[in-house]
């Protein structure tokens, strides 16, 4: 059976991952450090005498929570003695505009406010575009350009970050490794050292063109709480055996590890750092190799404004 070269496919995947980084929050992550229950929100209990922390999202009506997201990725593929490198660098600002908020539910519009994108594939000229400059976007960025400034989705969550309802207005539902929009928090208070997990799935294409579902679980571990800020490590665990290197090449780009910082008192994400560092040999026959190196950071913008809104909301409850 003949195989279609995957070099250009991997380069396009690298670009799609950068586009996904514009709009999505927590990513999926690679192998867990310790066994956990695969049920969503489950936790591994430690000494009951240790202090426990109740982690909950808190949003207020008419509040806007805004984040600056930076995603840098490099994909190197080698096939039949030919090497190709694809680079992307994306800086965007995304926001949640809260419509309604009660003690049990919060509804917000999620959108991209601005984006600056750079992409280069192999020896081709670098392509750049900054939405704030008012220039016509290159064709490769046209889909992103159409989505800026308008809600991508209207989402209703509970305090744990679980989605109760989603109305998609634009874009794709695929996470492409960037995971769910919100940080999923445990049902019960947790102590430092406890873990909880959330099941997820990845879609990948086999050598014969079939779509295969790869089951994973995202594992969260509370590492420390200092001055009201919780540091949470995040990794993912692949549950479905992968017997084709071509599948592995697709999956590793959707697995990462990193950490997030969460404001325990005011109930919002402060920032996150995620990393990918993977090499797959033989993904397209003997002598083929793929290297994927990427980093994504996200930082809260206008933290004082968000904190004031959260405190105002708390005072009304």
Protein backbone atom coordinates (compact mmCIF):
# COMPACT_ATOMS: atom_id res chain seq x y z
CA UNK A 1 0.00 0.00 0.00
CA UNK A 2 1.37 3.41 -0.95
CA UNK A 3 1.56 6.19 1.61
CA UNK A 4 0.95 9.87 1.07
CA UNK A 5 3.80 12.01 2.53
CA UNK A 6 2.75 13.54 5.85
CA UNK A 7 5.27 16.38 6.02
CA UNK A 8 2.85 19.07 4.85
CA UNK A 9 0.07 17.58 7.00
CA UNK A 10 2.21 17.96 10.13
CA UNK A 11 3.07 21.53 9.21
CA UNK A 12 -0.63 22.33 8.88
CA UNK A 13 -1.30 20.62 12.21
CA UNK A 14 1.29 22.91 13.82
CA UNK A 15 -0.63 25.90 12.44
CA UNK A 16 -3.98 24.51 13.64
CA UNK A 17 -2.57 24.07 17.13
CA UNK A 18 -1.59 27.73 17.16
CA UNK A 19 -5.09 28.72 16.04
CA UNK A 20 -6.56 26.58 18.81
CA UNK A 21 -4.33 28.38 21.31
CA UNK A 22 -6.11 31.62 20.46
CA UNK A 23 -9.32 30.54 22.06
CA UNK A 24 -8.85 27.64 24.43
CA UNK A 25 -7.80 27.48 28.02
CA UNK A 26 -6.43 24.39 29.73
CA UNK A 27 -4.57 21.87 27.58
CA UNK A 28 -4.21 18.11 27.72
CA UNK A 29 -1.06 16.71 29.23
CA UNK A 30 1.32 13.68 29.22
CA UNK A 31 1.86 10.77 31.65
CA UNK A 32 0.62 10.96 35.24
CA UNK A 33 3.03 10.72 38.13
CA UNK A 34 0.72 8.60 40.28
CA UNK A 35 -2.42 6.47 39.89
CA UNK A 36 -5.72 8.33 39.91
CA UNK A 37 -9.39 7.51 39.55
CA UNK A 38 -10.48 7.99 35.94
CA UNK A 39 -13.86 9.43 36.90
CA UNK A 40 -14.30 13.16 36.30
CA UNK A 41 -13.61 15.19 39.38
CA UNK A 42 -12.41 12.21 41.39
CA UNK A 43 -9.57 12.69 43.87
CA UNK A 44 -6.90 10.68 45.63
CA UNK A 45 -7.25 11.38 49.33
CA UNK A 46 -4.33 12.04 51.66
CA UNK A 47 -4.10 12.59 55.43
CA UNK A 48 -7.43 14.05 56.53
CA UNK A 49 -5.66 16.23 59.08
CA UNK A 50 -4.09 18.32 56.33
CA UNK A 51 -5.70 21.63 55.41
CA UNK A 52 -8.11 21.35 52.50
CA UNK A 53 -9.04 24.03 49.98
CA UNK A 54 -12.35 24.44 48.16
CA UNK A 55 -11.54 25.48 44.59
CA UNK A 56 -14.38 27.20 42.75
CA UNK A 57 -14.80 29.52 39.77
CA UNK A 58 -16.50 32.83 40.58
CA UNK A 59 -17.84 35.25 37.97
CA UNK A 60 -19.98 38.37 38.34
CA UNK A 61 -22.65 39.74 35.96
CA UNK A 62 -21.21 42.16 33.34
CA UNK A 63 -17.66 41.18 34.35
CA UNK A 64 -15.01 40.73 31.64
CA UNK A 65 -12.09 38.37 32.24
CA UNK A 66 -9.30 38.84 29.70
CA UNK A 67 -6.13 36.82 29.03
CA UNK A 68 -3.05 37.26 26.87
CA UNK A 69 -2.06 33.97 25.25
CA UNK A 70 1.33 33.29 23.62
CA UNK A 71 1.94 30.09 21.66
CA UNK A 72 5.27 29.20 20.00
CA UNK A 73 5.72 25.90 18.15
CA UNK A 74 8.34 24.24 15.95
CA UNK A 75 7.68 21.02 14.05
CA UNK A 76 10.61 19.29 12.30
CA UNK A 77 9.95 16.32 10.02
CA UNK A 78 12.49 14.15 8.18
CA UNK A 79 11.47 11.75 5.40
CA UNK A 80 13.57 10.06 2.71
CA UNK A 81 16.50 12.29 3.56
CA UNK A 82 14.46 15.48 3.21
CA UNK A 83 13.88 17.72 6.23
CA UNK A 84 11.15 20.31 6.65
CA UNK A 85 10.65 22.75 9.53
CA UNK A 86 7.42 24.58 10.34
CA UNK A 87 7.36 27.45 12.84
CA UNK A 88 4.40 29.35 14.26
CA UNK A 89 4.25 32.18 16.78
CA UNK A 90 0.90 33.51 17.94
CA UNK A 91 0.06 36.18 20.49
CA UNK A 92 -3.63 36.77 21.16
CA UNK A 93 -6.00 38.31 23.66
CA UNK A 94 -9.13 36.34 24.54
CA UNK A 95 -11.94 37.28 26.86
CA UNK A 96 -14.96 36.02 28.73
CA UNK A 97 -17.82 38.52 28.81
CA UNK A 98 -20.16 37.43 31.60
CA UNK A 99 -23.88 37.60 30.83
CA UNK A 100 -25.34 36.15 34.01
CA UNK A 101 -24.01 34.68 37.24
CA UNK A 102 -25.72 33.04 40.20
CA UNK A 103 -24.55 30.91 43.09
CA UNK A 104 -24.73 27.78 40.92
CA UNK A 105 -24.30 28.85 37.27
CA UNK A 106 -22.31 31.37 35.22
CA UNK A 107 -22.91 32.20 31.55
CA UNK A 108 -20.37 34.06 29.42
CA UNK A 109 -19.51 34.82 25.79
CA UNK A 110 -16.06 33.64 24.79
CA UNK A 111 -14.25 35.56 22.06
CA UNK A 112 -10.88 36.54 20.56
CA UNK A 113 -10.23 40.28 20.90
CA UNK A 114 -7.00 40.51 18.88
CA UNK A 115 -4.26 38.35 17.41
CA UNK A 116 -0.75 38.65 16.01
CA UNK A 117 0.35 35.60 13.99
CA UNK A 118 3.55 34.47 12.28
CA UNK A 119 4.04 31.27 10.30
CA UNK A 120 6.85 29.84 8.19
CA UNK A 121 6.89 26.44 6.46
CA UNK A 122 10.21 25.15 5.14
CA UNK A 123 11.94 27.57 2.75
CA UNK A 124 8.75 29.51 2.04
CA UNK A 125 8.64 33.20 3.03
CA UNK A 126 7.44 34.00 6.53
CA UNK A 127 3.79 35.08 6.74
CA UNK A 128 2.83 37.70 9.33
CA UNK A 129 -0.42 39.37 10.32
CA UNK A 130 -1.50 41.66 13.16
CA UNK A 131 -5.26 42.22 13.54
CA UNK A 132 -4.69 45.55 15.33
CA UNK A 133 -3.02 47.11 12.27
CA UNK A 134 -6.16 46.89 10.14
CA UNK A 135 -4.40 45.10 7.27
CA UNK A 136 -6.03 42.52 5.01
CA UNK A 137 -5.18 39.07 6.45
CA UNK A 138 -3.27 36.51 4.34
CA UNK A 139 -5.45 33.66 3.12
CA UNK A 140 -3.93 31.25 5.64
CA UNK A 141 -5.22 33.44 8.51
CA UNK A 142 -8.57 34.39 6.95
CA UNK A 143 -10.66 32.02 9.11
CA UNK A 144 -9.15 33.44 12.29
CA UNK A 145 -9.71 37.00 11.04
CA UNK A 146 -13.41 36.35 10.55
CA UNK A 147 -13.77 35.22 14.17
CA UNK A 148 -12.11 38.18 15.90
CA UNK A 149 -14.35 40.42 17.99
CA UNK A 150 -17.43 38.20 17.83
CA UNK A 151 -18.46 35.48 20.30
CA UNK A 152 -17.12 32.05 19.40
CA UNK A 153 -19.44 30.43 21.91
CA UNK A 154 -21.84 31.16 24.75
CA UNK A 155 -20.99 28.85 27.62
CA UNK A 156 -22.69 28.07 30.93
CA UNK A 157 -20.55 26.50 33.66
CA UNK A 158 -20.93 25.63 37.32
CA UNK A 159 -18.48 26.51 40.07
CA UNK A 160 -16.38 23.42 39.32
CA UNK A 161 -15.85 24.59 35.73
CA UNK A 162 -18.01 21.83 34.26
CA UNK A 163 -19.85 22.91 31.10
CA UNK A 164 -23.61 22.75 31.60
CA UNK A 165 -24.48 24.22 28.21
CA UNK A 166 -22.63 25.49 25.14
CA UNK A 167 -23.93 27.32 22.08
CA UNK A 168 -21.23 27.40 19.41
CA UNK A 169 -21.33 30.44 17.12
CA UNK A 170 -18.07 30.06 15.15
CA UNK A 171 -14.87 28.06 15.00
CA UNK A 172 -14.31 24.40 15.74
CA UNK A 173 -15.24 22.30 18.75
CA UNK A 174 -11.93 20.45 18.40
CA UNK A 175 -9.47 21.25 21.16
CA UNK A 176 -6.33 20.27 19.17
CA UNK A 177 -4.45 19.72 22.36
CA UNK A 178 -5.53 22.90 24.08
CA UNK A 179 -8.15 21.01 26.04
CA UNK A 180 -11.34 22.31 27.61
CA UNK A 181 -12.15 25.98 27.87
CA UNK A 182 -12.29 26.06 31.66
CA UNK A 183 -10.18 24.53 34.42
CA UNK A 184 -12.07 21.53 35.84
CA UNK A 185 -11.97 21.62 39.64
CA UNK A 186 -12.63 18.76 42.11
CA UNK A 187 -16.05 18.22 43.64
CA UNK A 188 -14.69 18.22 47.19
CA UNK A 189 -12.07 20.34 49.00
CA UNK A 190 -8.52 19.08 48.35
CA UNK A 191 -5.25 19.17 50.27
CA UNK A 192 -1.80 19.79 48.86
CA UNK A 193 -0.68 16.56 47.17
CA UNK A 194 -4.16 15.42 46.15
CA UNK A 195 -5.01 14.67 42.53
CA UNK A 196 -8.20 14.57 40.49
CA UNK A 197 -8.76 13.55 36.88
CA UNK A 198 -11.07 14.19 33.93
CA UNK A 199 -11.53 11.80 30.98
CA UNK A 200 -11.11 13.08 27.43
CA UNK A 201 -10.73 11.83 23.85
CA UNK A 202 -8.48 12.55 20.86
CA UNK A 203 -9.37 11.80 17.24
CA UNK A 204 -6.53 10.50 15.03
CA UNK A 205 -6.37 8.98 11.54
CA UNK A 206 -4.84 5.53 10.95
CA UNK A 207 -2.63 4.53 8.00
CA UNK A 208 -5.66 3.16 6.14
CA UNK A 209 -7.60 6.40 6.56
CA UNK A 210 -9.87 5.34 9.41
CA UNK A 211 -10.58 7.68 12.34
CA UNK A 212 -9.55 6.21 15.69
CA UNK A 213 -10.61 7.53 19.09
CA UNK A 214 -7.78 7.70 21.63
CA UNK A 215 -8.95 7.86 25.24
CA UNK A 216 -6.90 9.92 27.68
CA UNK A 217 -7.41 11.45 31.10
CA UNK A 218 -6.23 14.82 32.29
CA UNK A 219 -4.64 14.64 35.70
CA UNK A 220 -4.52 17.63 38.06
CA UNK A 221 -2.44 17.75 41.25
CA UNK A 222 -2.54 20.54 43.83
CA UNK A 223 1.15 21.30 44.39
CA UNK A 224 0.97 24.24 46.80
CA UNK A 225 -1.17 27.12 48.07
CA UNK A 226 0.61 30.34 48.98
CA UNK A 227 -0.88 33.79 49.65
CA UNK A 228 -4.24 32.59 48.34
CA UNK A 229 -2.80 31.32 45.04
CA UNK A 230 -3.01 27.61 44.21
CA UNK A 231 -0.41 26.06 41.91
CA UNK A 232 -1.81 23.05 40.08
CA UNK A 233 0.29 20.65 38.00
CA UNK A 234 -1.43 19.24 34.93
CA UNK A 235 -0.54 16.17 32.89
CA UNK A 236 -2.36 13.64 30.74
CA UNK A 237 -2.34 9.88 30.65
CA UNK A 238 -2.96 7.94 27.45
CA UNK A 239 -5.38 5.08 28.14
CA UNK A 240 -5.78 3.63 24.62
CA UNK A 241 -2.83 1.54 23.37
CA UNK A 242 -1.17 3.13 20.32
CA UNK A 243 0.35 0.56 17.94
CA UNK A 244 1.12 2.81 14.94
CA UNK A 245 3.84 5.45 14.98
CA UNK A 246 1.79 7.52 12.53
CA UNK A 247 -0.93 7.68 15.20
CA UNK A 248 1.61 8.55 17.86
CA UNK A 249 2.87 11.45 15.73
CA UNK A 250 -0.63 12.94 15.75
CA UNK A 251 -1.34 12.24 19.43
CA UNK A 252 1.86 13.65 20.95
CA UNK A 253 1.03 17.07 19.57
CA UNK A 254 -2.13 16.94 21.66
CA UNK A 255 -0.38 15.94 24.91
CA UNK A 256 1.53 18.33 27.11
CA UNK A 257 2.49 19.03 30.68
CA UNK A 258 2.58 22.19 32.71
CA UNK A 259 0.96 24.09 35.54
CA UNK A 260 -1.69 26.69 36.27
CA UNK A 261 -2.08 29.33 38.98
CA UNK A 262 -5.58 29.80 40.42
CA UNK A 263 -6.80 32.54 42.77
CA UNK A 264 -8.49 30.56 45.54
CA UNK A 265 -10.18 33.54 47.21
CA UNK A 266 -11.51 35.27 44.10
CA UNK A 267 -12.14 32.23 41.90
CA UNK A 268 -10.35 32.85 38.61
CA UNK A 269 -7.35 31.62 36.66
CA UNK A 270 -4.23 33.78 37.03
CA UNK A 271 -2.09 32.08 34.41
CA UNK A 272 -0.68 28.88 32.99
CA UNK A 273 2.42 27.45 31.35
CA UNK A 274 2.28 24.39 29.08
CA UNK A 275 5.07 22.58 27.22
CA UNK A 276 5.42 20.02 24.45
CA UNK A 277 8.72 18.21 23.81
CA UNK A 278 8.22 15.06 21.74
CA UNK A 279 10.08 12.97 19.17
CA UNK A 280 8.54 10.16 17.10
CA UNK A 281 10.72 7.87 14.97
CA UNK A 282 9.28 5.84 12.07
CA UNK A 283 5.97 7.68 11.77
CA UNK A 284 6.12 7.32 7.98
CA UNK A 285 8.37 4.34 7.39
CA UNK A 286 12.02 3.65 8.19
CA UNK A 287 14.18 6.75 8.41
CA UNK A 288 11.30 9.12 9.10
CA UNK A 289 11.25 11.27 12.23
CA UNK A 290 9.15 14.04 13.72
CA UNK A 291 10.20 16.46 16.46
CA UNK A 292 7.63 18.72 18.09
CA UNK A 293 8.65 21.50 20.48
CA UNK A 294 6.13 24.06 21.72
CA UNK A 295 5.25 26.31 24.61
CA UNK A 296 2.06 28.14 25.52
CA UNK A 297 1.66 30.75 28.25
CA UNK A 298 -1.44 32.56 29.38
CA UNK A 299 -1.60 35.53 31.72
CA UNK A 300 -4.52 37.43 33.20
CA UNK A 301 -4.92 40.99 31.92
CA UNK A 302 -6.27 43.74 34.19
CA UNK A 303 -6.07 41.58 37.31
CA UNK A 304 -7.11 44.42 39.63
CA UNK A 305 -10.37 44.93 37.72
CA UNK A 306 -11.19 41.22 37.82
CA UNK A 307 -10.38 41.00 41.53
CA UNK A 308 -12.64 43.96 42.34
CA UNK A 309 -15.51 42.43 40.37
CA UNK A 310 -15.07 39.09 42.13
CA UNK A 311 -15.11 40.71 45.56
CA UNK A 312 -18.22 42.68 44.64
CA UNK A 313 -19.91 39.46 43.59
CA UNK A 314 -18.92 37.74 46.84
CA UNK A 315 -20.38 40.55 48.92
CA UNK A 316 -23.78 40.02 47.33
CA UNK A 317 -23.87 36.30 48.13
